[in-house]
Amino acid sequence: MQIGIPKEHKPHEKRVAASPDSVKELIKLGFTVVVENHA
């Protein structure tokens, strides 16, 4: 299964939907994780 992490488009918003550690865990579980540029 593929999971996408989009860039936030609101002004001055710097957060994203996943942390580096959570992405590593998802990959260990067999997911494919795609992160939008500059997210």
N, C-alpha and C. Protein backbone atom coordinates (compact mmCIF):
# COMPACT_ATOMS: atom_id res chain seq x y z
N MET A 1 0.85 -1.17 0.00
CA MET A 1 0.00 0.00 0.00
C MET A 1 0.90 1.23 0.00
N GLN A 2 0.47 2.26 -0.68
CA GLN A 2 1.23 3.50 -0.79
C GLN A 2 0.55 4.60 0.04
N ILE A 3 1.36 5.35 0.79
CA ILE A 3 0.87 6.45 1.62
C ILE A 3 1.52 7.73 1.14
N GLY A 4 0.74 8.79 0.92
CA GLY A 4 1.27 10.07 0.47
C GLY A 4 1.27 11.09 1.60
N ILE A 5 2.36 11.84 1.71
CA ILE A 5 2.47 12.90 2.71
C ILE A 5 2.51 14.22 1.95
N PRO A 6 1.42 14.98 1.95
CA PRO A 6 1.37 16.23 1.18
C PRO A 6 2.02 17.40 1.91
N LYS A 7 2.39 18.39 1.13
CA LYS A 7 2.89 19.65 1.66
C LYS A 7 1.70 20.46 2.16
N GLU A 8 1.85 21.15 3.28
CA GLU A 8 0.79 22.03 3.78
C GLU A 8 0.77 23.29 2.92
N HIS A 9 -0.41 23.72 2.52
CA HIS A 9 -0.53 24.87 1.62
C HIS A 9 -1.02 26.14 2.30
N LYS A 10 -1.23 26.09 3.62
CA LYS A 10 -1.66 27.30 4.34
C LYS A 10 -0.46 28.20 4.57
N PRO A 11 -0.63 29.51 4.53
CA PRO A 11 0.49 30.43 4.76
C PRO A 11 1.11 30.22 6.15
N HIS A 12 2.42 30.24 6.22
CA HIS A 12 3.19 30.15 7.46
C HIS A 12 3.07 28.80 8.17
N GLU A 13 2.50 27.81 7.53
CA GLU A 13 2.37 26.48 8.14
C GLU A 13 3.59 25.65 7.79
N LYS A 14 4.27 25.12 8.79
CA LYS A 14 5.51 24.36 8.58
C LYS A 14 5.37 22.89 8.93
N ARG A 15 4.23 22.48 9.47
CA ARG A 15 4.06 21.08 9.88
C ARG A 15 3.70 20.20 8.70
N VAL A 16 3.98 18.91 8.85
CA VAL A 16 3.56 17.91 7.87
C VAL A 16 2.83 16.80 8.61
N ALA A 17 2.22 15.91 7.86
CA ALA A 17 1.37 14.88 8.44
C ALA A 17 2.12 13.71 9.08
N ALA A 18 3.45 13.68 8.95
CA ALA A 18 4.22 12.56 9.51
C ALA A 18 5.62 13.01 9.89
N SER A 19 6.13 12.42 10.96
CA SER A 19 7.50 12.70 11.38
C SER A 19 8.44 11.70 10.69
N PRO A 20 9.74 12.01 10.65
CA PRO A 20 10.69 11.05 10.07
C PRO A 20 10.62 9.68 10.74
N ASP A 21 10.45 9.66 12.06
CA ASP A 21 10.38 8.37 12.77
C ASP A 21 9.13 7.59 12.39
N SER A 22 8.00 8.27 12.23
CA SER A 22 6.77 7.56 11.86
C SER A 22 6.86 7.02 10.43
N VAL A 23 7.54 7.76 9.54
CA VAL A 23 7.73 7.28 8.17
C VAL A 23 8.60 6.03 8.17
N LYS A 24 9.65 6.01 8.98
CA LYS A 24 10.52 4.82 9.09
C LYS A 24 9.72 3.61 9.55
N GLU A 25 8.84 3.81 10.52
CA GLU A 25 8.02 2.71 11.02
C GLU A 25 7.06 2.20 9.95
N LEU A 26 6.46 3.12 9.20
CA LEU A 26 5.55 2.70 8.12
C LEU A 26 6.29 1.87 7.08
N ILE A 27 7.51 2.29 6.74
CA ILE A 27 8.32 1.54 5.77
C ILE A 27 8.65 0.15 6.32
N LYS A 28 9.00 0.07 7.61
CA LYS A 28 9.29 -1.23 8.23
C LYS A 28 8.08 -2.16 8.16
N LEU A 29 6.88 -1.58 8.21
CA LEU A 29 5.65 -2.37 8.15
C LEU A 29 5.27 -2.76 6.73
N GLY A 30 6.06 -2.30 5.74
CA GLY A 30 5.82 -2.70 4.36
C GLY A 30 5.11 -1.68 3.50
N PHE A 31 4.84 -0.50 4.02
CA PHE A 31 4.20 0.55 3.24
C PHE A 31 5.23 1.26 2.37
N THR A 32 4.78 1.80 1.25
CA THR A 32 5.57 2.71 0.44
C THR A 32 5.11 4.11 0.80
N VAL A 33 6.06 4.98 1.17
CA VAL A 33 5.72 6.34 1.60
C VAL A 33 6.27 7.33 0.59
N VAL A 34 5.40 8.20 0.08
CA VAL A 34 5.78 9.24 -0.88
C VAL A 34 5.55 10.59 -0.21
N VAL A 35 6.59 11.43 -0.19
CA VAL A 35 6.51 12.74 0.44
C VAL A 35 6.60 13.81 -0.64
N GLU A 36 5.66 14.74 -0.65
CA GLU A 36 5.66 15.84 -1.62
C GLU A 36 6.89 16.72 -1.40
N ASN A 37 7.47 17.23 -2.49
CA ASN A 37 8.63 18.12 -2.40
C ASN A 37 8.36 19.29 -1.47
N HIS A 38 9.35 19.65 -0.68
CA HIS A 38 9.32 20.77 0.26
C HIS A 38 8.32 20.58 1.39
N ALA A 39 7.91 19.35 1.64
CA ALA A 39 6.98 19.09 2.76
C ALA A 39 7.74 19.01 4.06
